[in-house]
Amino acid sequence: MSFRYSTGNSQLDLSIAEILHRAGASEHQDMLHQMMVTVVKLAQDGAESGDLKIINSTLKEMRYAFKVMKPYRRVRKCAIFGSARCKPDTEDYKQACEFAARIADLGYMVITGAGHGIMEAGNRGAGTERSFGLNIRLPFEQVANPYIAKDEKLVNFKYFFTRKLAFMKDTHAVVCCPGGFGTHDEGLEVLTLIQTGKSHMVPIVFMHPEGSVFWSDWHQYNVDRLLQRGMISPEDLSLYKVTSSVEEAADEVRGFYRRYHSMRYVRDRLIVRLEAAISEEEIELLNEEFGDILKSGKIEPTLALAEEHDKTISHLPRIKFHFRRRAFGRLRELINRLNSFELPEYSSIEVPEAGEGGLLPSEMDEGSDN
């Protein structure tokens, strides 16, 4: 028997295959075999104890997070970031609580960092039943808030990077409330991942209370220091929205999925799934307005491709095009344009599995959903 991923020892490969069989692994055997081969190679490499501890903790945290999230993959989710130090009597806290309640009313679940302050407001506003908590173990500050502390949808992390992966893999929207270094780190990482095509496209909102300049000052810095010096492109500013309105923030999230559904790469084509088909005239408008993001050819309507594995959304209409993978701000503008078209009298409301297919373009190339 030959194996695509091998330890170099046929007897050892057969033993791994037997272990997987005994464990009841009926699906994804090639990938599971590859993961076990990696473990064997760590042993062959003589990996040091500290390195093995990092890998072991990472794998355990990711496995458990995926397990907790799996039953809810067909429910759209909104991640809420913000300071752990905001008190319940502050406007920041009250606004976050109000937004979480509003987005939950729209059918979303809320993901927070499970701590106090804005995170507590998010879980409190959405309610425990519609909340997740992704807690980070710190020597200070971070004890899970009472609205998620005893719930089965609380996951504790040792590492920030595994926690961030869990946030981005399973969220359909991101809202950043006022916060410190951690909030800025999370918000900017999301922007970086989307700007570089390393993550699926989601709406990003920076929200502060009426009369505050918390995020508007930050936005002006982006314009004055980054844009004017050519460090970002004008269309990159389309990747996020700054607002002081709860309703406007909720509309930004809801409106993103008005016509747009999800996307994935199949070979060299980007497939954009839609809630409702668009007309020939609308296709023509897209080609006129967004020809600059095409590497070749035109934007065309298409049916589901054989490489798309999720049959539950195979009925959705699609467009396809050869995307020039440097213009993700413009891609967001294309999504905005799609959402501006009038909807027919009916449209589908299937929700994609969050994070189905990987975060990385290399995985998307192999046919993963996004």
Protein backbone atom coordinates (compact mmCIF):
# COMPACT_ATOMS: atom_id res chain seq x y z
CA MET A 1 0.00 0.00 0.00
CA SER A 2 1.35 3.44 -0.94
CA PHE A 3 0.69 6.63 0.99
CA ARG A 4 0.61 10.16 -0.34
CA TYR A 5 2.20 11.35 2.90
CA SER A 6 4.71 8.91 4.27
CA THR A 7 7.04 8.52 7.22
CA GLY A 8 9.49 6.75 4.94
CA ASN A 9 8.81 3.53 6.81
CA SER A 10 6.12 1.37 5.18
CA GLN A 11 5.43 -0.63 8.34
CA LEU A 12 5.02 2.59 10.34
CA ASP A 13 2.66 3.98 7.69
CA LEU A 14 0.56 0.81 7.91
CA SER A 15 0.46 1.16 11.70
CA ILE A 16 -0.80 4.75 11.38
CA ALA A 17 -3.46 3.62 8.93
CA GLU A 18 -4.53 0.91 11.38
CA ILE A 19 -4.76 3.42 14.25
CA LEU A 20 -6.98 5.69 12.14
CA HIS A 21 -9.17 2.74 11.20
CA ARG A 22 -9.54 1.70 14.85
CA ALA A 23 -10.38 5.31 15.76
CA GLY A 24 -13.24 5.22 13.28
CA ALA A 25 -11.81 7.75 10.86
CA SER A 26 -14.01 7.26 7.81
CA GLU A 27 -13.44 10.71 6.28
CA HIS A 28 -10.38 12.84 5.50
CA GLN A 29 -8.03 9.92 6.03
CA ASP A 30 -5.29 11.44 3.87
CA MET A 31 -5.22 14.62 5.95
CA LEU A 32 -5.34 12.76 9.26
CA HIS A 33 -2.57 10.45 8.08
CA GLN A 34 -0.49 13.48 7.13
CA MET A 35 -0.98 15.00 10.59
CA MET A 36 0.17 11.80 12.27
CA VAL A 37 3.16 11.60 9.93
CA THR A 38 4.10 15.10 11.09
CA VAL A 39 4.04 13.89 14.71
CA VAL A 40 6.25 10.94 13.81
CA LYS A 41 8.68 13.26 12.04
CA LEU A 42 8.86 15.45 15.13
CA ALA A 43 10.05 12.37 17.00
CA GLN A 44 12.52 11.55 14.24
CA ASP A 45 13.79 15.15 14.31
CA GLY A 46 14.46 14.89 18.04
CA ALA A 47 12.22 17.89 18.73
CA GLU A 48 12.89 19.57 22.08
CA SER A 49 10.44 19.47 24.95
CA GLY A 50 9.57 23.18 24.72
CA ASP A 51 8.77 22.92 21.03
CA LEU A 52 6.58 19.88 21.59
CA LYS A 53 4.69 21.67 24.36
CA ILE A 54 3.84 24.53 22.00
CA ILE A 55 2.64 22.16 19.27
CA ASN A 56 0.70 20.01 21.71
CA SER A 57 -1.09 22.95 23.37
CA THR A 58 -1.85 24.50 19.98
CA LEU A 59 -3.36 21.32 18.58
CA LYS A 60 -5.43 20.66 21.70
CA GLU A 61 -6.78 24.22 21.80
CA MET A 62 -7.71 24.24 18.14
CA ARG A 63 -9.35 20.80 18.30
CA TYR A 64 -11.50 21.80 21.25
CA ALA A 65 -12.46 25.18 19.75
CA PHE A 66 -13.51 23.52 16.49
CA LYS A 67 -15.56 20.98 18.45
CA VAL A 68 -17.40 23.69 20.41
CA MET A 69 -18.14 25.77 17.30
CA LYS A 70 -19.13 22.90 15.01
CA PRO A 71 -22.83 22.61 16.00
CA TYR A 72 -23.33 26.31 15.21
CA ARG A 73 -21.60 26.54 11.85
CA ARG A 74 -24.83 27.27 10.02
CA VAL A 75 -25.49 30.33 12.20
CA ARG A 76 -23.88 33.62 11.28
CA LYS A 77 -21.73 35.17 13.99
CA CYS A 78 -20.37 38.60 14.84
CA ALA A 79 -17.13 39.06 16.78
CA ILE A 80 -17.09 42.00 19.20
CA PHE A 81 -13.74 43.38 20.38
CA GLY A 82 -13.15 46.06 22.99
CA SER A 83 -11.56 47.00 26.29
CA ALA A 84 -11.84 44.77 29.35
CA ARG A 85 -11.59 47.90 31.52
CA CYS A 86 -14.84 49.64 30.52
CA LYS A 87 -17.26 49.78 33.45
CA PRO A 88 -21.01 49.07 33.08
CA ASP A 89 -21.85 52.74 33.65
CA THR A 90 -19.75 53.96 30.67
CA GLU A 91 -21.21 54.84 27.28
CA ASP A 92 -18.80 52.41 25.61
CA TYR A 93 -20.20 49.50 27.64
CA LYS A 94 -23.82 50.54 27.13
CA GLN A 95 -23.39 50.89 23.37
CA ALA A 96 -21.70 47.49 23.06
CA CYS A 97 -24.53 45.91 25.04
CA GLU A 98 -27.13 47.60 22.83
CA PHE A 99 -25.35 46.54 19.64
CA ALA A 100 -25.05 42.92 20.78
CA ALA A 101 -28.77 42.81 21.52
CA ARG A 102 -29.55 44.31 18.12
CA ILE A 103 -27.34 41.95 16.15
CA ALA A 104 -28.74 38.97 18.08
CA ASP A 105 -32.25 40.13 17.12
CA LEU A 106 -31.10 39.92 13.50
CA GLY A 107 -30.25 36.24 13.97
CA TYR A 108 -26.53 36.46 14.67
CA MET A 109 -24.61 34.87 17.49
CA VAL A 110 -21.95 36.96 19.23
CA ILE A 111 -18.33 35.96 19.85
CA THR A 112 -16.36 37.87 22.48
CA GLY A 113 -13.12 37.39 24.35
CA ALA A 114 -15.20 36.31 27.39
CA GLY A 115 -13.66 38.87 29.75
CA HIS A 116 -15.23 41.89 31.42
CA GLY A 117 -15.81 45.37 30.01
CA ILE A 118 -16.87 45.41 26.35
CA MET A 119 -16.64 41.62 26.18
CA GLU A 120 -19.08 41.29 29.07
CA ALA A 121 -21.37 43.83 27.41
CA GLY A 122 -21.37 41.75 24.23
CA ASN A 123 -22.33 38.54 26.00
CA ARG A 124 -24.82 40.36 28.20
CA GLY A 125 -26.55 42.08 25.30
CA ALA A 126 -26.78 38.97 23.12
CA GLY A 127 -27.64 36.68 26.01
CA THR A 128 -25.86 33.50 27.00
CA GLU A 129 -27.81 31.34 24.55
CA ARG A 130 -26.55 33.38 21.59
CA SER A 131 -23.02 33.93 22.92
CA PHE A 132 -19.57 32.40 22.61
CA GLY A 133 -16.62 33.28 24.82
CA LEU A 134 -13.03 32.78 23.65
CA ASN A 135 -11.08 33.48 26.81
CA ILE A 136 -7.32 34.03 27.04
CA ARG A 137 -5.55 32.89 30.19
CA LEU A 138 -3.62 35.87 31.61
CA PRO A 139 -1.95 36.54 34.97
CA PHE A 140 -4.32 39.51 35.37
CA GLU A 141 -7.63 40.95 34.16
CA GLN A 142 -9.01 38.03 32.18
CA VAL A 143 -11.55 36.03 34.17
CA ALA A 144 -14.63 34.96 32.23
CA ASN A 145 -17.62 37.24 32.76
CA PRO A 146 -20.75 35.87 34.47
CA TYR A 147 -22.78 35.83 31.23
CA ILE A 148 -20.57 33.14 29.65
CA ALA A 149 -18.47 31.74 32.52
CA LYS A 150 -20.43 28.52 33.06
CA ASP A 151 -21.64 28.00 29.52
CA GLU A 152 -20.50 25.15 27.27
CA LYS A 153 -19.66 27.69 24.56
CA LEU A 154 -16.73 29.07 26.59
CA VAL A 155 -13.27 28.08 25.33
CA ASN A 156 -10.06 28.92 27.20
CA PHE A 157 -6.84 29.58 25.30
CA LYS A 158 -3.21 29.70 26.31
CA TYR A 159 -2.03 31.39 23.12
CA PHE A 160 -3.28 34.56 21.48
CA PHE A 161 -2.64 33.23 17.98
CA THR A 162 -4.90 30.18 18.39
CA ARG A 163 -7.57 32.41 19.91
CA LYS A 164 -7.35 34.82 16.96
CA LEU A 165 -7.63 31.92 14.53
CA ALA A 166 -10.78 30.71 16.30
CA PHE A 167 -12.25 34.23 16.10
CA MET A 168 -11.61 34.69 12.38
CA LYS A 169 -12.37 31.15 11.25
CA ASP A 170 -15.90 31.25 12.59
CA THR A 171 -17.01 34.87 12.33
CA HIS A 172 -19.05 36.54 9.61
CA ALA A 173 -18.54 40.11 10.88
CA VAL A 174 -16.23 42.06 13.19
CA VAL A 175 -17.13 45.06 15.35
CA CYS A 176 -14.42 46.90 17.29
CA CYS A 177 -15.50 49.08 20.20
CA PRO A 178 -13.07 51.39 22.02
CA GLY A 179 -10.16 49.50 23.54
CA GLY A 180 -6.45 49.36 24.20
CA PHE A 181 -3.51 47.52 22.67
CA GLY A 182 -5.41 44.24 22.47
CA THR A 183 -8.38 45.73 20.65
CA HIS A 184 -6.13 47.53 18.18
CA ASP A 185 -4.13 44.35 17.65
CA GLU A 186 -7.27 42.34 16.91
CA GLY A 187 -8.82 44.96 14.64
CA LEU A 188 -5.64 45.60 12.68
CA GLU A 189 -4.92 41.90 12.29
CA VAL A 190 -8.38 41.35 10.80
CA LEU A 191 -7.79 44.24 8.40
CA THR A 192 -4.36 42.89 7.46
CA LEU A 193 -5.67 39.38 6.81
CA ILE A 194 -8.46 40.66 4.57
CA GLN A 195 -6.32 43.28 2.80
CA THR A 196 -3.78 40.60 1.88
CA GLY A 197 -6.31 37.92 0.98
CA LYS A 198 -5.31 35.65 3.85
CA SER A 199 -8.84 35.54 5.27
CA HIS A 200 -12.38 35.43 4.02
CA MET A 201 -14.06 38.79 3.39
CA VAL A 202 -16.24 40.06 6.24
CA PRO A 203 -17.68 43.46 7.18
CA ILE A 204 -15.53 45.34 9.72
CA VAL A 205 -17.01 48.13 11.84
CA PHE A 206 -15.23 50.47 14.25
CA MET A 207 -17.93 51.80 16.58
CA HIS A 208 -17.82 54.42 19.32
CA PRO A 209 -20.54 56.37 21.16
CA GLU A 210 -22.10 59.55 19.82
CA GLY A 211 -19.77 62.52 20.38
CA SER A 212 -16.65 60.34 20.66
CA VAL A 213 -13.70 60.67 18.27
CA PHE A 214 -12.07 57.40 19.34
CA TRP A 215 -12.12 55.71 15.92
CA SER A 216 -12.61 58.79 13.74
CA ASP A 217 -9.21 60.07 14.92
CA TRP A 218 -7.75 56.67 14.04
CA HIS A 219 -9.39 56.80 10.61
CA GLN A 220 -7.97 60.29 10.01
CA TYR A 221 -4.52 58.98 10.95
CA ASN A 222 -4.94 56.30 8.27
CA VAL A 223 -5.78 58.97 5.72
CA ASP A 224 -3.11 61.49 6.73
CA ARG A 225 -0.21 59.14 7.48
CA LEU A 226 -0.84 55.90 5.59
CA LEU A 227 -2.84 56.84 2.51
CA GLN A 228 -1.04 60.10 1.71
CA ARG A 229 2.34 58.37 1.93
CA GLY A 230 1.21 55.53 -0.32
CA MET A 231 1.37 52.90 2.40
CA ILE A 232 -2.22 51.84 1.71
CA SER A 233 -4.43 52.25 -1.36
CA PRO A 234 -7.56 54.44 -1.47
CA GLU A 235 -9.76 51.36 -1.85
CA ASP A 236 -8.34 49.88 1.37
CA LEU A 237 -10.44 52.42 3.25
CA SER A 238 -13.49 50.54 1.90
CA LEU A 239 -12.55 47.52 4.02
CA TYR A 240 -13.99 49.10 7.18
CA LYS A 241 -16.60 51.54 8.42
CA VAL A 242 -16.43 54.00 11.35
CA THR A 243 -19.73 54.89 13.01
CA SER A 244 -21.25 56.15 16.26
CA SER A 245 -24.62 54.53 15.53
CA VAL A 246 -25.68 51.09 16.71
CA GLU A 247 -28.25 50.87 13.94
CA GLU A 248 -25.74 51.91 11.28
CA ALA A 249 -23.28 49.29 12.56
CA ALA A 250 -25.98 46.62 12.44
CA ASP A 251 -27.03 47.73 8.95
CA GLU A 252 -23.41 47.47 7.77
CA VAL A 253 -23.27 43.84 8.94
CA ARG A 254 -26.71 42.89 7.65
CA GLY A 255 -26.27 44.76 4.37
CA PHE A 256 -23.04 42.92 3.56
CA TYR A 257 -25.08 39.73 3.12
CA ARG A 258 -27.99 41.36 1.32
CA ARG A 259 -27.03 39.99 -2.11
CA TYR A 260 -23.56 38.57 -1.42
CA HIS A 261 -23.42 35.12 0.15
CA SER A 262 -19.87 33.73 0.14
CA MET A 263 -16.90 33.07 -2.14
CA ARG A 264 -14.25 30.51 -2.95
CA TYR A 265 -11.49 29.94 -5.46
CA VAL A 266 -11.62 27.15 -8.01
CA ARG A 267 -8.33 26.92 -9.84
CA ASP A 268 -7.68 30.45 -11.17
CA ARG A 269 -11.27 31.64 -10.88
CA LEU A 270 -13.00 33.38 -7.99
CA ILE A 271 -16.55 32.11 -7.52
CA VAL A 272 -18.91 34.53 -5.78
CA ARG A 273 -22.15 33.00 -4.55
CA LEU A 274 -25.24 35.19 -4.46
CA GLU A 275 -28.50 35.22 -2.55
CA ALA A 276 -30.29 35.96 -5.83
CA ALA A 277 -29.29 35.96 -9.48
CA ILE A 278 -28.29 39.22 -11.14
CA SER A 279 -29.41 40.36 -14.55
CA GLU A 280 -27.42 40.67 -17.77
CA GLU A 281 -27.51 44.44 -17.35
CA GLU A 282 -26.05 44.17 -13.86
CA ILE A 283 -23.31 41.83 -15.12
CA GLU A 284 -22.49 44.41 -17.76
CA LEU A 285 -22.29 47.15 -15.13
CA LEU A 286 -19.91 45.07 -13.02
CA ASN A 287 -17.64 44.52 -16.00
CA GLU A 288 -17.62 48.23 -16.79
CA GLU A 289 -16.90 49.30 -13.20
CA PHE A 290 -14.55 46.53 -12.04
CA GLY A 291 -12.56 45.56 -15.12
CA ASP A 292 -9.45 46.75 -13.27
CA ILE A 293 -9.58 43.81 -10.85
CA LEU A 294 -9.68 41.21 -13.62
CA LYS A 295 -6.49 39.47 -14.62
CA SER A 296 -8.14 38.31 -17.84
CA GLY A 297 -11.56 37.74 -19.33
CA LYS A 298 -14.86 39.02 -17.93
CA ILE A 299 -17.21 38.62 -15.01
CA GLU A 300 -19.66 35.89 -16.00
CA PRO A 301 -22.66 34.11 -14.46
CA THR A 302 -22.14 30.46 -13.61
CA LEU A 303 -23.78 27.47 -11.95
CA ALA A 304 -22.18 25.58 -9.07
CA LEU A 305 -18.91 23.93 -10.08
CA ALA A 306 -18.12 20.27 -9.42
CA GLU A 307 -15.25 21.29 -7.14
CA GLU A 308 -17.63 23.00 -4.73
CA HIS A 309 -18.27 20.39 -2.08
CA ASP A 310 -21.08 22.01 -0.08
CA LYS A 311 -24.21 20.69 -1.77
CA THR A 312 -26.55 22.57 0.58
CA ILE A 313 -25.78 25.80 -1.30
CA SER A 314 -25.34 24.32 -4.77
CA HIS A 315 -28.60 25.95 -5.87
CA LEU A 316 -27.30 29.47 -5.30
CA PRO A 317 -26.58 31.60 -8.38
CA ARG A 318 -22.96 32.62 -8.90
CA ILE A 319 -20.60 34.81 -10.83
CA LYS A 320 -17.03 33.88 -11.69
CA PHE A 321 -13.97 35.82 -12.84
CA HIS A 322 -10.18 35.69 -13.00
CA PHE A 323 -9.42 37.90 -10.02
CA ARG A 324 -6.20 39.88 -9.81
CA ARG A 325 -5.26 38.99 -6.25
CA ARG A 326 -3.89 42.32 -5.18
CA ALA A 327 -7.08 44.37 -5.15
CA PHE A 328 -8.99 43.18 -2.10
CA GLY A 329 -10.23 46.66 -1.26
CA ARG A 330 -11.73 46.80 -4.76
CA LEU A 331 -13.16 43.33 -4.25
CA ARG A 332 -14.97 44.69 -1.19
CA GLU A 333 -16.24 47.54 -3.37
CA LEU A 334 -17.54 44.98 -5.87
CA ILE A 335 -19.44 43.27 -3.04
CA ASN A 336 -20.88 46.64 -2.05
CA ARG A 337 -21.99 47.17 -5.66
CA LEU A 338 -23.61 43.73 -5.77
CA ASN A 339 -25.50 44.55 -2.60
CA SER A 340 -26.71 47.84 -4.08
CA PHE A 341 -28.64 46.07 -6.87
CA GLU A 342 -32.38 45.65 -6.39
CA LEU A 343 -33.40 42.25 -5.06
CA PRO A 344 -36.09 40.21 -6.79
CA GLU A 345 -39.25 39.44 -4.85
CA TYR A 346 -37.67 36.36 -3.30
CA SER A 347 -34.14 35.28 -2.42
CA SER A 348 -32.50 32.35 -0.66
CA ILE A 349 -31.29 32.62 2.91
CA GLU A 350 -28.85 29.73 3.20
CA VAL A 351 -25.98 30.48 5.58
CA PRO A 352 -22.46 29.24 4.72
CA GLU A 353 -20.58 27.17 7.23
CA ALA A 354 -18.25 29.63 8.92
CA GLY A 355 -14.67 29.11 7.91
CA GLU A 356 -15.50 26.14 5.70
CA GLY A 357 -12.34 25.85 3.68
CA GLY A 358 -9.23 27.42 5.08
CA LEU A 359 -8.16 30.93 5.77
CA LEU A 360 -5.19 30.84 3.45
CA PRO A 361 -5.18 31.41 -0.30
CA SER A 362 -3.01 28.31 -0.76
CA GLU A 363 -5.88 26.30 0.68
CA MET A 364 -8.42 28.22 -1.38
CA ASP A 365 -6.49 27.24 -4.51
CA GLU A 366 -7.18 23.62 -3.70
CA GLY A 367 -10.90 24.29 -3.74
CA SER A 368 -11.82 25.36 -0.23
CA ASP A 369 -14.93 27.37 0.55
CA ASN A 370 -14.65 30.88 1.85
